[in-house]
Amino acid sequence: MNFFLFQIYPYIALTVLAVGSIARYERDPFSWKSSSSQLLRQRQFIVGSVLFHVGVIAIFFGHLVGLLTPIWIWDALGVAHGFKQGVAIGLGGVAGVMALAGGAILLHRRLTDPRILATSSNADIAILVMLLVQLVLGLLTILVSLQHMDGHEMVKFMSWAQGIFTFRTDAWEFVADVNILFKLHIVLGLTILLVFPFTRLVHMLSAPVRYLWRPGYQVVRTRRRAMPPNQHPAG
């Protein structure tokens, strides 16, 4: 089971993520959206959305850099494994609490407002619940990590993640003996990647970051025909 979950399942999840996302964009591009309900209960939406998105983005890039940066680079920079683990626990804990609070607000809003619930699909609710459970598991793993601050277990996860992307056939062995909370966290994370193409999460891949460097301004013209000067209300 360890071999399947941590050696085979990652490739299944990553393949479905890539192929499924491309297929959905090509076959059903009009479904590629976040289906925002911002116009309903806007104040609660803004608070929950900002907390959730800022927290999740911080966690995502923290995991990306922390897991996939080769270990020898950290060693060359003189960053001790224990120090790196402490920073990850501190920053990840803050980001996790923010994302969990924001996600709870969004889920409460979605389940308690009849208008929002009517526009929500089962997949919308399910993926939000999955993300909240994943955040809870992530925060619980901090309690385990605090008992081993030498960075040894963190190196195991780095070696596993990098082993998967370098196609090591023994990558699963790095995490075979870790705490069950870490295993659940990894498996649920892979499952989220697996269902990613079939949910509203796909909008993450088309975030409008291009607007940051778009030249010029967007020109918006009115549909109303220009009125002759003698007929203008101000005339």
Protein backbone atom coordinates (compact mmCIF):
# COMPACT_ATOMS: atom_id res chain seq x y z
CA MET A 1 0.00 0.00 0.00
CA ASN A 2 2.87 2.38 0.77
CA PHE A 3 4.37 1.59 -2.63
CA PHE A 4 1.09 2.30 -4.41
CA LEU A 5 0.18 5.49 -2.48
CA PHE A 6 3.60 7.12 -2.55
CA GLN A 7 5.15 5.73 -5.72
CA ILE A 8 2.34 4.98 -8.20
CA TYR A 9 -0.47 7.28 -7.07
CA PRO A 10 1.58 10.50 -7.49
CA TYR A 11 2.06 9.77 -11.19
CA ILE A 12 -1.62 8.94 -11.63
CA ALA A 13 -2.62 12.22 -9.96
CA LEU A 14 -0.11 14.34 -11.91
CA THR A 15 -1.06 12.72 -15.23
CA VAL A 16 -4.79 13.28 -14.69
CA LEU A 17 -4.02 16.85 -13.58
CA ALA A 18 -2.12 17.65 -16.76
CA VAL A 19 -4.17 15.72 -19.33
CA GLY A 20 -7.52 16.53 -17.70
CA SER A 21 -6.80 20.26 -17.51
CA ILE A 22 -5.76 20.41 -21.17
CA ALA A 23 -8.76 18.35 -22.29
CA ARG A 24 -11.21 20.50 -20.35
CA TYR A 25 -9.76 23.71 -21.74
CA GLU A 26 -9.90 22.38 -25.29
CA ARG A 27 -13.31 20.68 -25.14
CA ASP A 28 -15.28 22.86 -22.73
CA PRO A 29 -13.56 26.26 -22.40
CA PHE A 30 -16.74 28.04 -21.23
CA SER A 31 -16.70 25.95 -18.04
CA TRP A 32 -13.20 27.21 -17.24
CA LYS A 33 -14.20 29.75 -14.61
CA SER A 34 -14.40 30.32 -10.88
CA SER A 35 -18.20 30.78 -10.88
CA SER A 36 -17.88 33.61 -8.40
CA SER A 37 -20.82 34.51 -6.17
CA GLN A 38 -19.29 37.83 -5.11
CA LEU A 39 -22.48 39.80 -5.75
CA LEU A 40 -24.22 37.85 -2.97
CA ARG A 41 -23.21 38.73 0.62
CA GLN A 42 -20.24 40.66 -0.72
CA ARG A 43 -18.67 41.73 2.60
CA GLN A 44 -18.43 38.18 3.94
CA PHE A 45 -17.13 37.02 0.57
CA ILE A 46 -14.32 39.57 0.52
CA VAL A 47 -13.12 38.77 4.04
CA GLY A 48 -13.25 35.02 3.53
CA SER A 49 -11.81 35.13 0.02
CA VAL A 50 -8.84 37.33 0.93
CA LEU A 51 -7.91 35.22 3.96
CA PHE A 52 -8.35 31.97 2.05
CA HIS A 53 -6.51 32.94 -1.12
CA VAL A 54 -3.59 34.68 0.59
CA GLY A 55 -3.14 31.72 2.92
CA VAL A 56 -3.41 29.09 0.18
CA ILE A 57 -1.04 30.94 -2.16
CA ALA A 58 1.55 31.26 0.62
CA ILE A 59 1.20 27.56 1.45
CA PHE A 60 1.43 26.53 -2.21
CA PHE A 61 4.65 28.42 -2.92
CA GLY A 62 6.06 27.44 0.47
CA HIS A 63 5.56 23.77 -0.36
CA LEU A 64 6.85 24.28 -3.90
CA VAL A 65 10.09 25.92 -2.82
CA GLY A 66 10.53 23.91 0.35
CA LEU A 67 10.02 20.48 -1.19
CA LEU A 68 11.46 20.85 -4.68
CA THR A 69 14.57 22.95 -4.02
CA PRO A 70 17.46 20.44 -4.07
CA ILE A 71 18.82 19.73 -0.62
CA TRP A 72 22.38 20.51 -1.70
CA ILE A 73 21.35 24.11 -2.48
CA TRP A 74 20.16 24.65 1.10
CA ASP A 75 23.39 23.08 2.35
CA ALA A 76 25.46 25.30 0.06
CA LEU A 77 23.64 28.36 1.37
CA GLY A 78 24.39 27.29 4.91
CA VAL A 79 20.72 26.90 5.86
CA ALA A 80 20.46 24.30 8.59
CA HIS A 81 17.67 21.75 8.24
CA GLY A 82 16.36 22.52 11.71
CA PHE A 83 16.25 26.24 10.98
CA LYS A 84 14.44 25.63 7.69
CA GLN A 85 11.92 23.44 9.47
CA GLY A 86 11.33 26.12 12.10
CA VAL A 87 10.69 28.77 9.44
CA ALA A 88 8.36 26.41 7.58
CA ILE A 89 6.41 25.70 10.76
CA GLY A 90 6.10 29.40 11.63
CA LEU A 91 5.16 30.75 8.22
CA GLY A 92 3.15 27.69 7.26
CA GLY A 93 1.25 27.79 10.52
CA VAL A 94 0.24 31.43 10.07
CA ALA A 95 -0.74 30.86 6.43
CA GLY A 96 -2.62 27.69 7.37
CA VAL A 97 -4.67 29.43 10.06
CA MET A 98 -5.49 32.27 7.64
CA ALA A 99 -6.58 29.87 4.91
CA LEU A 100 -8.60 27.75 7.34
CA ALA A 101 -10.42 30.78 8.76
CA GLY A 102 -11.15 32.13 5.28
CA GLY A 103 -12.27 28.75 3.99
CA ALA A 104 -14.59 28.27 6.98
CA ILE A 105 -16.17 31.66 6.27
CA LEU A 106 -16.67 30.77 2.60
CA LEU A 107 -18.15 27.36 3.43
CA HIS A 108 -20.51 28.86 6.04
CA ARG A 109 -21.58 31.50 3.53
CA ARG A 110 -22.17 28.90 0.83
CA LEU A 111 -24.17 26.53 3.03
CA THR A 112 -26.29 29.05 4.95
CA ASP A 113 -27.37 31.43 2.18
CA PRO A 114 -30.16 29.79 0.10
CA ARG A 115 -29.32 31.89 -2.96
CA ILE A 116 -25.64 30.93 -2.91
CA LEU A 117 -26.44 27.31 -2.14
CA ALA A 118 -28.80 27.21 -5.12
CA THR A 119 -25.98 28.28 -7.44
CA SER A 120 -23.45 25.84 -5.92
CA SER A 121 -22.78 22.41 -7.35
CA ASN A 122 -21.93 19.35 -5.29
CA ALA A 123 -18.38 19.62 -6.64
CA ASP A 124 -18.09 23.21 -5.36
CA ILE A 125 -18.94 22.15 -1.82
CA ALA A 126 -16.95 18.92 -1.94
CA ILE A 127 -13.70 20.55 -3.08
CA LEU A 128 -13.99 23.27 -0.44
CA VAL A 129 -14.52 20.63 2.26
CA MET A 130 -11.52 18.68 0.93
CA LEU A 131 -9.36 21.79 1.10
CA LEU A 132 -10.47 22.53 4.66
CA VAL A 133 -9.71 18.96 5.76
CA GLN A 134 -6.32 19.25 4.08
CA LEU A 135 -5.61 22.47 5.97
CA VAL A 136 -6.59 20.85 9.27
CA LEU A 137 -4.29 17.89 8.56
CA GLY A 138 -1.48 20.26 7.66
CA LEU A 139 -1.86 22.17 10.92
CA LEU A 140 -1.97 18.91 12.89
CA THR A 141 1.32 17.82 11.33
CA ILE A 142 2.91 20.88 12.94
CA LEU A 143 2.29 19.29 16.35
CA VAL A 144 4.24 16.23 15.21
CA SER A 145 7.02 18.30 13.65
CA LEU A 146 7.52 20.26 16.88
CA GLN A 147 8.64 17.02 18.52
CA HIS A 148 11.48 16.58 16.02
CA MET A 149 13.09 19.94 15.28
CA ASP A 150 16.30 18.54 13.81
CA GLY A 151 14.86 18.66 10.30
CA HIS A 152 15.40 14.94 9.72
CA GLU A 153 11.78 14.16 8.76
CA MET A 154 11.55 17.29 6.62
CA VAL A 155 14.48 15.96 4.57
CA LYS A 156 12.49 12.75 4.04
CA PHE A 157 9.63 14.66 2.42
CA MET A 158 12.03 16.69 0.29
CA SER A 159 13.77 13.51 -0.86
CA TRP A 160 10.41 11.88 -1.63
CA ALA A 161 9.04 14.82 -3.64
CA GLN A 162 12.27 15.28 -5.58
CA GLY A 163 12.49 11.53 -6.11
CA ILE A 164 9.04 11.51 -7.71
CA PHE A 165 10.00 14.25 -10.17
CA THR A 166 13.32 12.58 -10.99
CA PHE A 167 11.60 9.20 -11.46
CA ARG A 168 13.37 7.37 -8.65
CA THR A 169 11.81 3.94 -8.21
CA ASP A 170 12.56 3.94 -4.48
CA ALA A 171 11.07 7.37 -3.68
CA TRP A 172 8.26 5.80 -1.64
CA GLU A 173 10.75 4.43 0.88
CA PHE A 174 11.52 7.92 2.18
CA VAL A 175 8.00 8.35 3.62
CA ALA A 176 7.04 4.74 4.34
CA ASP A 177 7.66 5.11 8.08
CA VAL A 178 6.47 8.68 8.76
CA ASN A 179 3.57 9.60 11.05
CA ILE A 180 0.08 8.70 9.76
CA LEU A 181 -0.91 12.38 9.76
CA PHE A 182 1.77 13.13 7.19
CA LYS A 183 0.64 10.19 5.08
CA LEU A 184 -2.98 11.35 5.15
CA HIS A 185 -1.84 14.88 4.27
CA ILE A 186 0.12 13.63 1.26
CA VAL A 187 -2.61 11.30 -0.01
CA LEU A 188 -5.34 13.93 0.30
CA GLY A 189 -3.09 16.46 -1.42
CA LEU A 190 -2.58 14.06 -4.33
CA THR A 191 -6.33 13.42 -4.45
CA ILE A 192 -6.98 17.16 -4.73
CA LEU A 193 -4.59 17.24 -7.69
CA LEU A 194 -6.46 14.27 -9.17
CA VAL A 195 -9.88 15.98 -9.09
CA PHE A 196 -8.45 19.42 -9.90
CA PRO A 197 -9.40 19.42 -13.63
CA PHE A 198 -13.03 18.57 -12.84
CA THR A 199 -13.66 21.38 -10.35
CA ARG A 200 -13.65 25.17 -10.21
CA LEU A 201 -10.01 25.04 -9.07
CA VAL A 202 -8.95 25.19 -12.72
CA HIS A 203 -9.31 28.97 -12.57
CA MET A 204 -5.98 28.95 -10.70
CA LEU A 205 -4.25 28.14 -13.99
CA SER A 206 -5.66 31.24 -15.70
CA ALA A 207 -5.17 33.86 -13.01
CA PRO A 208 -5.09 37.29 -14.74
CA VAL A 209 -1.46 38.01 -13.85
CA ARG A 210 -0.86 39.37 -17.38
CA TYR A 211 -2.69 42.53 -16.37
CA LEU A 212 0.33 43.44 -14.24
CA TRP A 213 2.42 44.14 -17.35
CA ARG A 214 -0.29 44.81 -19.97
CA PRO A 215 0.69 47.95 -21.94
CA GLY A 216 -1.73 50.87 -22.14
CA TYR A 217 -5.27 51.08 -20.91
CA GLN A 218 -8.39 49.19 -21.85
CA VAL A 219 -10.65 51.29 -24.06
CA VAL A 220 -14.35 50.99 -23.26
CA ARG A 221 -16.88 52.62 -25.60
CA THR A 222 -20.52 53.21 -24.86
CA ARG A 223 -23.18 51.64 -27.04
CA ARG A 224 -25.28 54.80 -26.93
CA ARG A 225 -25.18 56.70 -30.19
CA ALA A 226 -23.69 60.15 -30.05
CA MET A 227 -26.40 62.84 -29.84
CA PRO A 228 -26.26 66.02 -31.95
CA PRO A 229 -25.05 69.07 -29.94
CA ASN A 230 -28.47 70.79 -30.18
CA GLN A 231 -30.17 67.72 -28.69
CA HIS A 232 -27.71 67.11 -25.84
CA PRO A 233 -29.38 67.36 -22.40
CA ALA A 234 -26.70 69.78 -21.24
CA GLY A 235 -27.30 72.01 -24.26
